[in-house]
Amino acid sequence: MIAGRGPSPALVLLLVQRLPDTSLTIALASGGREHFGWGQDRHLAADVFDALNQNTRATGQWGKGKAPKIPAYPRPKAKKADKKKAEKPKPRTVAEIYKHFQRR
């Protein structure tokens, strides 16, 4: 709410929570534009597609080592996090914390 105008923050939060899982807002929160349109139904369909291919490959009567390589259904890739953000800081000991606060 800016200067008393506009919808309340609670209303905006409720509206955002009710967005469909295929919306651009949810896609951006999930990792980027490549997730746009990928709701639960599409992920489940891709999983079923891959399961059928694995079943076909496992139960087929192929010659030894002749089973075909069936590519997986293309899915959006998650963006890799920066190495600096991914590294967790090493826990400090009580003595290190004490030294840190004693310095001036």
Protein backbone atom coordinates (compact mmCIF):
# COMPACT_ATOMS: atom_id res chain seq x y z
CA MET A 1 0.00 0.00 0.00
CA ILE A 2 1.51 3.30 -1.08
CA ALA A 3 0.31 6.45 0.70
CA GLY A 4 -2.89 4.71 1.77
CA ARG A 5 -3.91 3.83 -1.79
CA GLY A 6 -4.14 0.49 -3.53
CA PRO A 7 -5.03 -2.99 -2.38
CA SER A 8 -3.99 -4.24 1.00
CA PRO A 9 -0.90 -6.45 1.21
CA ALA A 10 -3.03 -9.33 2.49
CA LEU A 11 -5.24 -9.17 -0.61
CA VAL A 12 -2.22 -9.09 -2.93
CA LEU A 13 -0.72 -12.09 -1.14
CA LEU A 14 -3.98 -14.03 -1.45
CA LEU A 15 -4.20 -13.24 -5.17
CA VAL A 16 -0.61 -14.33 -5.81
CA GLN A 17 -1.14 -17.57 -3.88
CA ARG A 18 -4.12 -18.39 -6.12
CA LEU A 19 -2.14 -18.09 -9.37
CA PRO A 20 -2.13 -21.27 -11.47
CA ASP A 21 1.05 -23.33 -11.41
CA THR A 22 1.58 -22.60 -15.12
CA SER A 23 1.75 -18.81 -14.67
CA LEU A 24 4.82 -16.73 -15.44
CA THR A 25 5.06 -15.53 -11.84
CA ILE A 26 5.31 -19.09 -10.56
CA ALA A 27 7.77 -19.94 -13.36
CA LEU A 28 10.06 -17.07 -12.41
CA ALA A 29 9.89 -18.13 -8.76
CA SER A 30 10.77 -21.70 -9.82
CA GLY A 31 13.92 -20.73 -11.65
CA GLY A 32 13.25 -18.83 -14.86
CA ARG A 33 11.18 -18.39 -18.00
CA GLU A 34 11.93 -21.92 -19.18
CA HIS A 35 9.55 -23.17 -16.46
CA PHE A 36 6.64 -21.19 -17.96
CA GLY A 37 3.74 -23.56 -18.72
CA TRP A 38 5.21 -26.41 -16.71
CA GLY A 39 2.54 -27.26 -14.16
CA GLN A 40 2.07 -30.47 -12.23
CA ASP A 41 0.19 -32.07 -15.10
CA ARG A 42 3.02 -31.47 -17.56
CA HIS A 43 5.65 -32.78 -15.15
CA LEU A 44 3.55 -35.92 -14.57
CA ALA A 45 3.09 -36.44 -18.31
CA ALA A 46 6.86 -36.18 -18.82
CA ASP A 47 7.42 -38.70 -16.00
CA VAL A 48 4.92 -41.14 -17.55
CA PHE A 49 6.62 -40.74 -20.93
CA ASP A 50 10.01 -41.56 -19.39
CA ALA A 51 8.59 -44.49 -17.42
CA LEU A 52 7.06 -46.00 -20.57
CA ASN A 53 10.35 -45.64 -22.40
CA GLN A 54 12.27 -47.28 -19.55
CA ASN A 55 9.74 -50.11 -19.42
CA THR A 56 10.01 -50.61 -23.18
CA ARG A 57 13.80 -50.66 -22.97
CA ALA A 58 13.82 -53.04 -19.99
CA THR A 59 11.29 -55.57 -21.30
CA GLY A 60 12.18 -55.52 -24.98
CA GLN A 61 13.87 -58.54 -26.53
CA TRP A 62 17.01 -56.80 -27.69
CA GLY A 63 20.26 -58.52 -28.41
CA LYS A 64 22.95 -58.33 -25.75
CA GLY A 65 23.98 -54.67 -25.54
CA LYS A 66 21.65 -53.70 -28.41
CA ALA A 67 18.92 -51.94 -26.43
CA PRO A 68 18.18 -48.58 -28.04
CA LYS A 69 19.01 -45.39 -26.20
CA ILE A 70 15.69 -43.56 -25.79
CA PRO A 71 16.15 -39.88 -24.89
CA ALA A 72 14.31 -38.52 -21.86
CA TYR A 73 11.50 -36.03 -22.32
CA PRO A 74 13.01 -32.53 -22.45
CA ARG A 75 12.46 -30.65 -19.21
CA PRO A 76 13.43 -27.15 -18.11
CA LYS A 77 16.80 -27.05 -16.41
CA ALA A 78 17.30 -25.43 -13.05
CA LYS A 79 19.79 -22.59 -13.07
CA LYS A 80 23.07 -23.31 -11.35
CA ALA A 81 23.66 -21.26 -8.24
CA ASP A 82 26.76 -19.13 -7.91
CA LYS A 83 29.62 -20.89 -6.17
CA LYS A 84 29.87 -18.10 -3.61
CA LYS A 85 26.20 -18.47 -2.68
CA ALA A 86 26.36 -22.28 -2.69
CA GLU A 87 29.27 -22.44 -0.25
CA LYS A 88 28.11 -22.53 3.31
CA PRO A 89 30.21 -20.59 5.78
CA LYS A 90 32.25 -22.68 8.16
CA PRO A 91 30.75 -22.71 11.65
CA ARG A 92 32.67 -20.55 14.10
CA THR A 93 33.77 -21.60 17.51
CA VAL A 94 32.85 -19.65 20.61
CA ALA A 95 36.49 -18.52 20.93
CA GLU A 96 36.45 -17.09 17.36
CA ILE A 97 33.23 -15.20 18.06
CA TYR A 98 34.70 -13.84 21.28
CA LYS A 99 37.86 -12.65 19.46
CA HIS A 100 35.75 -11.03 16.77
CA PHE A 101 33.81 -8.93 19.26
CA GLN A 102 36.88 -8.03 21.34
CA ARG A 103 38.66 -6.35 18.40
CA ARG A 104 38.35 -2.59 18.10
